[in-house]
All heavy atoms as atom14 arrays in JSON, in Angstrom:
{
  "sequence": "IEKQANNSGLSSKVLNKHSDLKQARTRLLSVEDEAKRDTPLNLY",
  "atom14_mask": [
    [1, 1, 1, 1, 1, 1, 1, 1, 0, 0, 0, 0, 0, 0],
    [1, 1, 1, 1, 1, 1, 1, 1, 1, 0, 0, 0, 0, 0],
    [1, 1, 1, 1, 1, 1, 1, 1, 1, 0, 0, 0, 0, 0],
    [1, 1, 1, 1, 1, 1, 1, 1, 1, 0, 0, 0, 0, 0],
    [1, 1, 1, 1, 1, 0, 0, 0, 0, 0, 0, 0, 0, 0],
    [1, 1, 1, 1, 1, 1, 1, 1, 0, 0, 0, 0, 0, 0],
    [1, 1, 1, 1, 1, 1, 1, 1, 0, 0, 0, 0, 0, 0],
    [1, 1, 1, 1, 1, 1, 0, 0, 0, 0, 0, 0, 0, 0],
    [1, 1, 1, 1, 0, 0, 0, 0, 0, 0, 0, 0, 0, 0],
    [1, 1, 1, 1, 1, 1, 1, 1, 0, 0, 0, 0, 0, 0],
    [1, 1, 1, 1, 1, 1, 0, 0, 0, 0, 0, 0, 0, 0],
    [1, 1, 1, 1, 1, 1, 0, 0, 0, 0, 0, 0, 0, 0],
    [1, 1, 1, 1, 1, 1, 1, 1, 1, 0, 0, 0, 0, 0],
    [1, 1, 1, 1, 1, 1, 1, 0, 0, 0, 0, 0, 0, 0],
    [1, 1, 1, 1, 1, 1, 1, 1, 0, 0, 0, 0, 0, 0],
    [1, 1, 1, 1, 1, 1, 1, 1, 0, 0, 0, 0, 0, 0],
    [1, 1, 1, 1, 1, 1, 1, 1, 1, 0, 0, 0, 0, 0],
    [1, 1, 1, 1, 1, 1, 1, 1, 1, 1, 0, 0, 0, 0],
    [1, 1, 1, 1, 1, 1, 0, 0, 0, 0, 0, 0, 0, 0],
    [1, 1, 1, 1, 1, 1, 1, 1, 0, 0, 0, 0, 0, 0],
    [1, 1, 1, 1, 1, 1, 1, 1, 0, 0, 0, 0, 0, 0],
    [1, 1, 1, 1, 1, 1, 1, 1, 1, 0, 0, 0, 0, 0],
    [1, 1, 1, 1, 1, 1, 1, 1, 1, 0, 0, 0, 0, 0],
    [1, 1, 1, 1, 1, 0, 0, 0, 0, 0, 0, 0, 0, 0],
    [1, 1, 1, 1, 1, 1, 1, 1, 1, 1, 1, 0, 0, 0],
    [1, 1, 1, 1, 1, 1, 1, 0, 0, 0, 0, 0, 0, 0],
    [1, 1, 1, 1, 1, 1, 1, 1, 1, 1, 1, 0, 0, 0],
    [1, 1, 1, 1, 1, 1, 1, 1, 0, 0, 0, 0, 0, 0],
    [1, 1, 1, 1, 1, 1, 1, 1, 0, 0, 0, 0, 0, 0],
    [1, 1, 1, 1, 1, 1, 0, 0, 0, 0, 0, 0, 0, 0],
    [1, 1, 1, 1, 1, 1, 1, 0, 0, 0, 0, 0, 0, 0],
    [1, 1, 1, 1, 1, 1, 1, 1, 1, 0, 0, 0, 0, 0],
    [1, 1, 1, 1, 1, 1, 1, 1, 0, 0, 0, 0, 0, 0],
    [1, 1, 1, 1, 1, 1, 1, 1, 1, 0, 0, 0, 0, 0],
    [1, 1, 1, 1, 1, 0, 0, 0, 0, 0, 0, 0, 0, 0],
    [1, 1, 1, 1, 1, 1, 1, 1, 1, 0, 0, 0, 0, 0],
    [1, 1, 1, 1, 1, 1, 1, 1, 1, 1, 1, 0, 0, 0],
    [1, 1, 1, 1, 1, 1, 1, 1, 0, 0, 0, 0, 0, 0],
    [1, 1, 1, 1, 1, 1, 1, 0, 0, 0, 0, 0, 0, 0],
    [1, 1, 1, 1, 1, 1, 1, 0, 0, 0, 0, 0, 0, 0],
    [1, 1, 1, 1, 1, 1, 1, 1, 0, 0, 0, 0, 0, 0],
    [1, 1, 1, 1, 1, 1, 1, 1, 0, 0, 0, 0, 0, 0],
    [1, 1, 1, 1, 1, 1, 1, 1, 0, 0, 0, 0, 0, 0],
    [1, 1, 1, 1, 1, 1, 1, 1, 1, 1, 1, 1, 0, 0]
  ],
  "atom14_positions": [
    [[-12.73, 6.48, 7.79], [-13.28, 5.35, 7.06], [-12.96, 4.05, 7.76], [-13.81, 3.16, 7.9], [-12.77, 5.32, 5.6], [-13.33, 6.52, 4.81], [-13.16, 4.03, 4.91], [-12.71, 6.71, 3.45], [0.0, 0.0, 0.0], [0.0, 0.0, 0.0], [0.0, 0.0, 0.0], [0.0, 0.0, 0.0], [0.0, 0.0, 0.0], [0.0, 0.0, 0.0]],
    [[-11.72, 3.9, 8.25], [-11.31, 2.69, 8.95], [-12.12, 2.52, 10.25], [-12.56, 1.43, 10.58], [-9.82, 2.72, 9.24], [-8.98, 2.51, 7.97], [-7.5, 2.7, 8.2], [-7.13, 3.33, 9.22], [-6.72, 2.23, 7.36], [0.0, 0.0, 0.0], [0.0, 0.0, 0.0], [0.0, 0.0, 0.0], [0.0, 0.0, 0.0], [0.0, 0.0, 0.0]],
    [[-12.29, 3.61, 11.01], [-13.07, 3.56, 12.24], [-14.52, 3.15, 11.97], [-15.1, 2.35, 12.67], [-13.01, 4.88, 12.98], [-11.72, 5.16, 13.67], [-11.74, 6.5, 14.39], [-10.41, 6.81, 14.99], [-10.4, 8.15, 15.62], [0.0, 0.0, 0.0], [0.0, 0.0, 0.0], [0.0, 0.0, 0.0], [0.0, 0.0, 0.0], [0.0, 0.0, 0.0]],
    [[-15.07, 3.76, 10.94], [-16.46, 3.47, 10.58], [-16.61, 2.01, 10.18], [-17.57, 1.32, 10.56], [-16.9, 4.37, 9.43], [-18.34, 4.16, 9.04], [-18.75, 5.03, 7.87], [-17.91, 5.5, 7.11], [-20.03, 5.26, 7.7], [0.0, 0.0, 0.0], [0.0, 0.0, 0.0], [0.0, 0.0, 0.0], [0.0, 0.0, 0.0], [0.0, 0.0, 0.0]],
    [[-15.66, 1.5, 9.42], [-15.7, 0.1, 8.99], [-15.54, -0.84, 10.17], [-16.21, -1.87, 10.26], [-14.63, -0.18, 7.95], [0.0, 0.0, 0.0], [0.0, 0.0, 0.0], [0.0, 0.0, 0.0], [0.0, 0.0, 0.0], [0.0, 0.0, 0.0], [0.0, 0.0, 0.0], [0.0, 0.0, 0.0], [0.0, 0.0, 0.0], [0.0, 0.0, 0.0]],
    [[-14.63, -0.5, 11.09], [-14.44, -1.32, 12.29], [-15.66, -1.34, 13.17], [-16.02, -2.37, 13.76], [-13.22, -0.87, 13.07], [-11.92, -1.2, 12.37], [-11.84, -2.11, 11.56], [-10.89, -0.43, 12.65], [0.0, 0.0, 0.0], [0.0, 0.0, 0.0], [0.0, 0.0, 0.0], [0.0, 0.0, 0.0], [0.0, 0.0, 0.0], [0.0, 0.0, 0.0]],
    [[-16.34, -0.2, 13.27], [-17.57, -0.14, 14.07], [-18.7, -0.92, 13.46], [-19.56, -1.42, 14.17], [-18.0, 1.32, 14.26], [-17.06, 2.06, 15.21], [-16.33, 1.48, 15.98], [-17.1, 3.4, 15.13], [0.0, 0.0, 0.0], [0.0, 0.0, 0.0], [0.0, 0.0, 0.0], [0.0, 0.0, 0.0], [0.0, 0.0, 0.0], [0.0, 0.0, 0.0]],
    [[-18.68, -1.05, 12.13], [-19.73, -1.83, 11.48], [-19.38, -3.31, 11.37], [-20.15, -4.07, 10.85], [-20.06, -1.24, 10.1], [-18.96, -1.34, 9.23], [0.0, 0.0, 0.0], [0.0, 0.0, 0.0], [0.0, 0.0, 0.0], [0.0, 0.0, 0.0], [0.0, 0.0, 0.0], [0.0, 0.0, 0.0], [0.0, 0.0, 0.0], [0.0, 0.0, 0.0]],
    [[-18.18, -3.66, 11.84], [-17.79, -5.08, 11.88], [-17.2, -5.63, 10.6], [-17.23, -6.84, 10.41], [0.0, 0.0, 0.0], [0.0, 0.0, 0.0], [0.0, 0.0, 0.0], [0.0, 0.0, 0.0], [0.0, 0.0, 0.0], [0.0, 0.0, 0.0], [0.0, 0.0, 0.0], [0.0, 0.0, 0.0], [0.0, 0.0, 0.0], [0.0, 0.0, 0.0]],
    [[-16.68, -4.79, 9.71], [-16.07, -5.3, 8.5], [-14.69, -5.87, 8.8], [-13.95, -5.34, 9.61], [-15.92, -4.18, 7.48], [-17.21, -3.59, 6.91], [-16.87, -2.44, 5.95], [-18.01, -4.64, 6.17], [0.0, 0.0, 0.0], [0.0, 0.0, 0.0], [0.0, 0.0, 0.0], [0.0, 0.0, 0.0], [0.0, 0.0, 0.0], [0.0, 0.0, 0.0]],
    [[-14.35, -6.95, 8.12], [-13.03, -7.55, 8.33], [-11.97, -6.74, 7.59], [-12.3, -5.9, 6.73], [-13.0, -8.99, 7.81], [-13.08, -9.0, 6.39], [0.0, 0.0, 0.0], [0.0, 0.0, 0.0], [0.0, 0.0, 0.0], [0.0, 0.0, 0.0], [0.0, 0.0, 0.0], [0.0, 0.0, 0.0], [0.0, 0.0, 0.0], [0.0, 0.0, 0.0]],
    [[-10.7, -6.96, 7.9], [-9.62, -6.2, 7.26], [-9.54, -6.47, 5.78], [-9.2, -5.59, 5.0], [-8.28, -6.48, 7.93], [-7.97, -7.85, 7.8], [0.0, 0.0, 0.0], [0.0, 0.0, 0.0], [0.0, 0.0, 0.0], [0.0, 0.0, 0.0], [0.0, 0.0, 0.0], [0.0, 0.0, 0.0], [0.0, 0.0, 0.0], [0.0, 0.0, 0.0]],
    [[-9.88, -7.69, 5.34], [-9.87, -8.01, 3.92], [-10.92, -7.22, 3.17], [-10.68, -6.68, 2.11], [-10.08, -9.49, 3.68], [-8.9, -10.35, 4.07], [-9.13, -11.79, 3.78], [-7.95, -12.64, 4.18], [-8.13, -14.05, 3.92], [0.0, 0.0, 0.0], [0.0, 0.0, 0.0], [0.0, 0.0, 0.0], [0.0, 0.0, 0.0], [0.0, 0.0, 0.0]],
    [[-12.11, -7.15, 3.74], [-13.17, -6.38, 3.11], [-12.85, -4.9, 3.16], [-13.08, -4.16, 2.21], [-14.52, -6.64, 3.82], [-15.62, -5.73, 3.3], [-14.92, -8.11, 3.64], [0.0, 0.0, 0.0], [0.0, 0.0, 0.0], [0.0, 0.0, 0.0], [0.0, 0.0, 0.0], [0.0, 0.0, 0.0], [0.0, 0.0, 0.0], [0.0, 0.0, 0.0]],
    [[-12.27, -4.47, 4.25], [-11.92, -3.06, 4.42], [-10.9, -2.61, 3.36], [-11.0, -1.55, 2.79], [-11.35, -2.83, 5.81], [-10.92, -1.39, 6.15], [-12.11, -0.44, 6.04], [-10.35, -1.35, 7.55], [0.0, 0.0, 0.0], [0.0, 0.0, 0.0], [0.0, 0.0, 0.0], [0.0, 0.0, 0.0], [0.0, 0.0, 0.0], [0.0, 0.0, 0.0]],
    [[-9.91, -3.43, 3.07], [-8.89, -3.09, 2.08], [-9.47, -3.0, 0.66], [-8.9, -2.33, -0.17], [-7.74, -4.11, 2.1], [-6.88, -3.95, 3.32], [-6.79, -2.86, 3.89], [-6.26, -5.0, 3.74], [0.0, 0.0, 0.0], [0.0, 0.0, 0.0], [0.0, 0.0, 0.0], [0.0, 0.0, 0.0], [0.0, 0.0, 0.0], [0.0, 0.0, 0.0]],
    [[-10.6, -3.67, 0.41], [-11.23, -3.6, -0.9], [-12.28, -2.49, -0.98], [-12.85, -2.27, -2.02], [-11.86, -4.93, -1.26], [-10.82, -6.03, -1.47], [-11.47, -7.32, -1.87], [-10.43, -8.38, -2.1], [-10.98, -9.64, -2.52], [0.0, 0.0, 0.0], [0.0, 0.0, 0.0], [0.0, 0.0, 0.0], [0.0, 0.0, 0.0], [0.0, 0.0, 0.0]],
    [[-12.56, -1.85, 0.13], [-13.55, -0.79, 0.19], [-13.16, 0.31, -0.79], [-12.07, 0.85, -0.71], [-13.66, -0.27, 1.64], [-14.83, 0.58, 1.87], [-14.82, 1.92, 1.7], [-16.08, 0.27, 2.32], [-16.0, 2.42, 2.0], [-16.79, 1.43, 2.37], [0.0, 0.0, 0.0], [0.0, 0.0, 0.0], [0.0, 0.0, 0.0], [0.0, 0.0, 0.0]],
    [[-14.05, 0.67, -1.71], [-13.67, 1.59, -2.8], [-13.28, 2.98, -2.28], [-12.33, 3.58, -2.79], [-14.8, 1.69, -3.81], [-15.95, 2.28, -3.22], [0.0, 0.0, 0.0], [0.0, 0.0, 0.0], [0.0, 0.0, 0.0], [0.0, 0.0, 0.0], [0.0, 0.0, 0.0], [0.0, 0.0, 0.0], [0.0, 0.0, 0.0], [0.0, 0.0, 0.0]],
    [[-14.01, 3.51, -1.28], [-13.67, 4.84, -0.79], [-12.31, 4.84, -0.13], [-11.53, 5.78, -0.31], [-14.72, 5.33, 0.22], [-16.06, 5.61, -0.41], [-16.11, 5.85, -1.64], [-17.08, 5.6, 0.31], [0.0, 0.0, 0.0], [0.0, 0.0, 0.0], [0.0, 0.0, 0.0], [0.0, 0.0, 0.0], [0.0, 0.0, 0.0], [0.0, 0.0, 0.0]],
    [[-12.02, 3.8, 0.63], [-10.72, 3.71, 1.3], [-9.6, 3.54, 0.27], [-8.55, 4.21, 0.36], [-10.73, 2.55, 2.27], [-9.45, 2.34, 3.07], [-9.15, 3.56, 3.93], [-9.56, 1.12, 3.95], [0.0, 0.0, 0.0], [0.0, 0.0, 0.0], [0.0, 0.0, 0.0], [0.0, 0.0, 0.0], [0.0, 0.0, 0.0], [0.0, 0.0, 0.0]],
    [[-9.82, 2.72, -0.71], [-8.84, 2.5, -1.73], [-8.56, 3.78, -2.52], [-7.42, 4.13, -2.8], [-9.31, 1.39, -2.69], [-8.3, 0.88, -3.64], [-8.84, -0.3, -4.39], [-7.8, -0.88, -5.29], [-8.31, -2.06, -6.03], [0.0, 0.0, 0.0], [0.0, 0.0, 0.0], [0.0, 0.0, 0.0], [0.0, 0.0, 0.0], [0.0, 0.0, 0.0]],
    [[-9.59, 4.49, -2.83], [-9.46, 5.74, -3.56], [-8.73, 6.78, -2.74], [-7.88, 7.5, -3.24], [-10.85, 6.27, -3.96], [-10.83, 7.52, -4.81], [-12.23, 7.96, -5.17], [-13.21, 7.51, -4.62], [-12.28, 8.86, -6.11], [0.0, 0.0, 0.0], [0.0, 0.0, 0.0], [0.0, 0.0, 0.0], [0.0, 0.0, 0.0], [0.0, 0.0, 0.0]],
    [[-9.02, 6.88, -1.44], [-8.38, 7.85, -0.57], [-6.9, 7.51, -0.43], [-6.06, 8.41, -0.43], [-9.06, 7.87, 0.79], [0.0, 0.0, 0.0], [0.0, 0.0, 0.0], [0.0, 0.0, 0.0], [0.0, 0.0, 0.0], [0.0, 0.0, 0.0], [0.0, 0.0, 0.0], [0.0, 0.0, 0.0], [0.0, 0.0, 0.0], [0.0, 0.0, 0.0]],
    [[-6.56, 6.25, -0.29], [-5.15, 5.86, -0.17], [-4.38, 6.18, -1.45], [-3.22, 6.63, -1.39], [-5.05, 4.38, 0.19], [-5.39, 4.08, 1.61], [-5.25, 2.63, 1.95], [-5.49, 2.41, 3.36], [-5.82, 1.23, 3.85], [-5.95, 0.18, 3.07], [-6.02, 1.08, 5.15], [0.0, 0.0, 0.0], [0.0, 0.0, 0.0], [0.0, 0.0, 0.0]],
    [[-5.01, 5.91, -2.59], [-4.37, 6.22, -3.88], [-4.14, 7.72, -4.01], [-3.05, 8.16, -4.42], [-5.24, 5.71, -5.06], [-5.44, 4.31, -4.89], [-4.6, 5.99, -6.38], [0.0, 0.0, 0.0], [0.0, 0.0, 0.0], [0.0, 0.0, 0.0], [0.0, 0.0, 0.0], [0.0, 0.0, 0.0], [0.0, 0.0, 0.0], [0.0, 0.0, 0.0]],
    [[-5.12, 8.48, -3.65], [-5.02, 9.95, -3.73], [-3.95, 10.44, -2.76], [-3.19, 11.38, -3.09], [-6.36, 10.58, -3.46], [-6.38, 12.06, -3.61], [-6.26, 12.44, -5.07], [-6.32, 13.9, -5.17], [-5.52, 14.61, -5.91], [-4.62, 14.03, -6.68], [-5.61, 15.91, -5.94], [0.0, 0.0, 0.0], [0.0, 0.0, 0.0], [0.0, 0.0, 0.0]],
    [[-3.85, 9.85, -1.59], [-2.85, 10.25, -0.59], [-1.45, 10.05, -1.16], [-0.58, 10.9, -1.0], [-3.01, 9.46, 0.7], [-2.0, 9.72, 1.79], [-2.01, 11.2, 2.21], [-2.23, 8.82, 2.99], [0.0, 0.0, 0.0], [0.0, 0.0, 0.0], [0.0, 0.0, 0.0], [0.0, 0.0, 0.0], [0.0, 0.0, 0.0], [0.0, 0.0, 0.0]],
    [[-1.21, 8.91, -1.83], [0.09, 8.68, -2.4], [0.46, 9.73, -3.44], [1.58, 10.24, -3.48], [0.15, 7.26, -3.03], [0.14, 6.11, -2.06], [0.05, 4.79, -2.84], [1.36, 6.14, -1.19], [0.0, 0.0, 0.0], [0.0, 0.0, 0.0], [0.0, 0.0, 0.0], [0.0, 0.0, 0.0], [0.0, 0.0, 0.0], [0.0, 0.0, 0.0]],
    [[-0.5, 10.08, -4.28], [-0.22, 11.1, -5.3], [0.0, 12.47, -4.67], [0.85, 13.23, -5.13], [-1.34, 11.11, -6.34], [-2.19, 12.17, -6.25], [0.0, 0.0, 0.0], [0.0, 0.0, 0.0], [0.0, 0.0, 0.0], [0.0, 0.0, 0.0], [0.0, 0.0, 0.0], [0.0, 0.0, 0.0], [0.0, 0.0, 0.0], [0.0, 0.0, 0.0]],
    [[-0.76, 12.81, -3.65], [-0.58, 14.11, -2.98], [0.76, 14.16, -2.26], [1.44, 15.2, -2.28], [-1.75, 14.38, -2.01], [-1.48, 15.53, -1.07], [-3.04, 14.64, -2.79], [0.0, 0.0, 0.0], [0.0, 0.0, 0.0], [0.0, 0.0, 0.0], [0.0, 0.0, 0.0], [0.0, 0.0, 0.0], [0.0, 0.0, 0.0], [0.0, 0.0, 0.0]],
    [[1.17, 13.06, -1.66], [2.46, 13.04, -0.97], [3.59, 13.2, -1.98], [4.58, 13.89, -1.69], [2.63, 11.75, -0.18], [1.78, 11.73, 1.08], [1.87, 10.42, 1.84], [2.16, 9.35, 1.24], [1.62, 10.47, 3.05], [0.0, 0.0, 0.0], [0.0, 0.0, 0.0], [0.0, 0.0, 0.0], [0.0, 0.0, 0.0], [0.0, 0.0, 0.0]],
    [[3.46, 12.62, -3.17], [4.45, 12.82, -4.21], [4.53, 14.3, -4.62], [5.61, 14.82, -4.82], [4.15, 11.95, -5.43], [4.43, 10.48, -5.2], [5.19, 10.17, -4.24], [3.91, 9.65, -5.95], [0.0, 0.0, 0.0], [0.0, 0.0, 0.0], [0.0, 0.0, 0.0], [0.0, 0.0, 0.0], [0.0, 0.0, 0.0], [0.0, 0.0, 0.0]],
    [[3.38, 14.91, -4.76], [3.36, 16.34, -5.1], [3.97, 17.19, -4.01], [4.64, 18.17, -4.29], [1.92, 16.81, -5.4], [1.33, 16.26, -6.7], [2.02, 16.84, -7.94], [2.55, 17.96, -7.88], [2.04, 16.11, -8.94], [0.0, 0.0, 0.0], [0.0, 0.0, 0.0], [0.0, 0.0, 0.0], [0.0, 0.0, 0.0], [0.0, 0.0, 0.0]],
    [[3.73, 16.81, -2.76], [4.26, 17.58, -1.62], [5.8, 17.5, -1.63], [6.46, 18.47, -1.25], [3.7, 17.05, -0.32], [0.0, 0.0, 0.0], [0.0, 0.0, 0.0], [0.0, 0.0, 0.0], [0.0, 0.0, 0.0], [0.0, 0.0, 0.0], [0.0, 0.0, 0.0], [0.0, 0.0, 0.0], [0.0, 0.0, 0.0], [0.0, 0.0, 0.0]],
    [[6.34, 16.38, -2.05], [7.8, 16.23, -2.09], [8.42, 17.17, -3.11], [9.58, 17.53, -2.99], [8.16, 14.77, -2.38], [7.89, 13.84, -1.23], [8.23, 12.42, -1.61], [7.79, 11.49, -0.51], [8.0, 10.08, -0.89], [0.0, 0.0, 0.0], [0.0, 0.0, 0.0], [0.0, 0.0, 0.0], [0.0, 0.0, 0.0], [0.0, 0.0, 0.0]],
    [[7.68, 17.52, -4.14], [8.19, 18.39, -5.2], [8.32, 19.85, -4.71], [8.94, 20.65, -5.36], [7.3, 18.36, -6.41], [7.31, 17.03, -7.11], [6.46, 17.04, -8.32], [6.37, 15.69, -8.88], [5.47, 15.32, -9.75], [4.6, 16.2, -10.21], [5.42, 14.1, -10.16], [0.0, 0.0, 0.0], [0.0, 0.0, 0.0], [0.0, 0.0, 0.0]],
    [[7.71, 20.14, -3.59], [7.79, 21.46, -2.97], [7.31, 22.57, -3.92], [7.98, 23.57, -4.11], [9.21, 21.74, -2.48], [9.23, 22.85, -1.41], [8.21, 23.01, -0.72], [10.28, 23.51, -1.31], [0.0, 0.0, 0.0], [0.0, 0.0, 0.0], [0.0, 0.0, 0.0], [0.0, 0.0, 0.0], [0.0, 0.0, 0.0], [0.0, 0.0, 0.0]],
    [[6.14, 22.36, -4.49], [5.53, 23.36, -5.37], [4.96, 24.48, -4.52], [4.27, 24.21, -3.55], [4.39, 22.7, -6.19], [4.91, 21.54, -6.85], [3.85, 23.67, -7.21], [0.0, 0.0, 0.0], [0.0, 0.0, 0.0], [0.0, 0.0, 0.0], [0.0, 0.0, 0.0], [0.0, 0.0, 0.0], [0.0, 0.0, 0.0], [0.0, 0.0, 0.0]],
    [[5.25, 25.72, -4.85], [4.74, 26.82, -4.03], [3.2, 26.96, -4.12], [2.59, 26.57, -5.12], [5.42, 28.07, -4.63], [5.78, 27.68, -6.02], [6.0, 26.19, -6.0], [0.0, 0.0, 0.0], [0.0, 0.0, 0.0], [0.0, 0.0, 0.0], [0.0, 0.0, 0.0], [0.0, 0.0, 0.0], [0.0, 0.0, 0.0], [0.0, 0.0, 0.0]],
    [[2.61, 27.51, -3.04], [1.18, 27.73, -3.01], [0.82, 28.77, -4.08], [1.57, 29.71, -4.33], [0.75, 28.24, -1.66], [0.85, 27.3, -0.48], [0.44, 28.03, 0.79], [-0.01, 26.08, -0.68], [0.0, 0.0, 0.0], [0.0, 0.0, 0.0], [0.0, 0.0, 0.0], [0.0, 0.0, 0.0], [0.0, 0.0, 0.0], [0.0, 0.0, 0.0]],
    [[-0.36, 28.65, -4.64], [-0.89, 29.64, -5.56], [-1.69, 30.64, -4.74], [-2.85, 30.45, -4.47], [-1.76, 28.99, -6.62], [-2.18, 29.97, -7.71], [-2.19, 31.17, -7.48], [-2.54, 29.42, -8.85], [0.0, 0.0, 0.0], [0.0, 0.0, 0.0], [0.0, 0.0, 0.0], [0.0, 0.0, 0.0], [0.0, 0.0, 0.0], [0.0, 0.0, 0.0]],
    [[-1.02, 31.69, -4.33], [-1.64, 32.67, -3.42], [-2.8, 33.43, -4.09], [-3.74, 33.86, -3.38], [-0.6, 33.66, -2.91], [0.53, 33.0, -2.08], [1.56, 34.03, -1.69], [-0.02, 32.28, -0.88], [0.0, 0.0, 0.0], [0.0, 0.0, 0.0], [0.0, 0.0, 0.0], [0.0, 0.0, 0.0], [0.0, 0.0, 0.0], [0.0, 0.0, 0.0]],
    [[-2.81, 33.56, -5.37], [-3.91, 34.25, -6.05], [-5.19, 33.44, -5.93], [-6.26, 33.99, -5.76], [-3.57, 34.51, -7.55], [-2.52, 35.56, -7.71], [-1.22, 35.19, -8.05], [-2.8, 36.9, -7.49], [-0.23, 36.17, -8.18], [-1.85, 37.87, -7.61], [-0.58, 37.51, -7.96], [0.39, 38.47, -8.09], [0.0, 0.0, 0.0], [0.0, 0.0, 0.0]]
  ]
}
């Protein structure tokens, strides 16, 4: 998303408000928190 935005000439301020990027960063934080809990994979 960042590369695509840079190629289209968006500034960093606009990029930080980009909804897809913001949503992905928020989801990344939540997934990293879950990864720290070391929950086992559901093999089934």
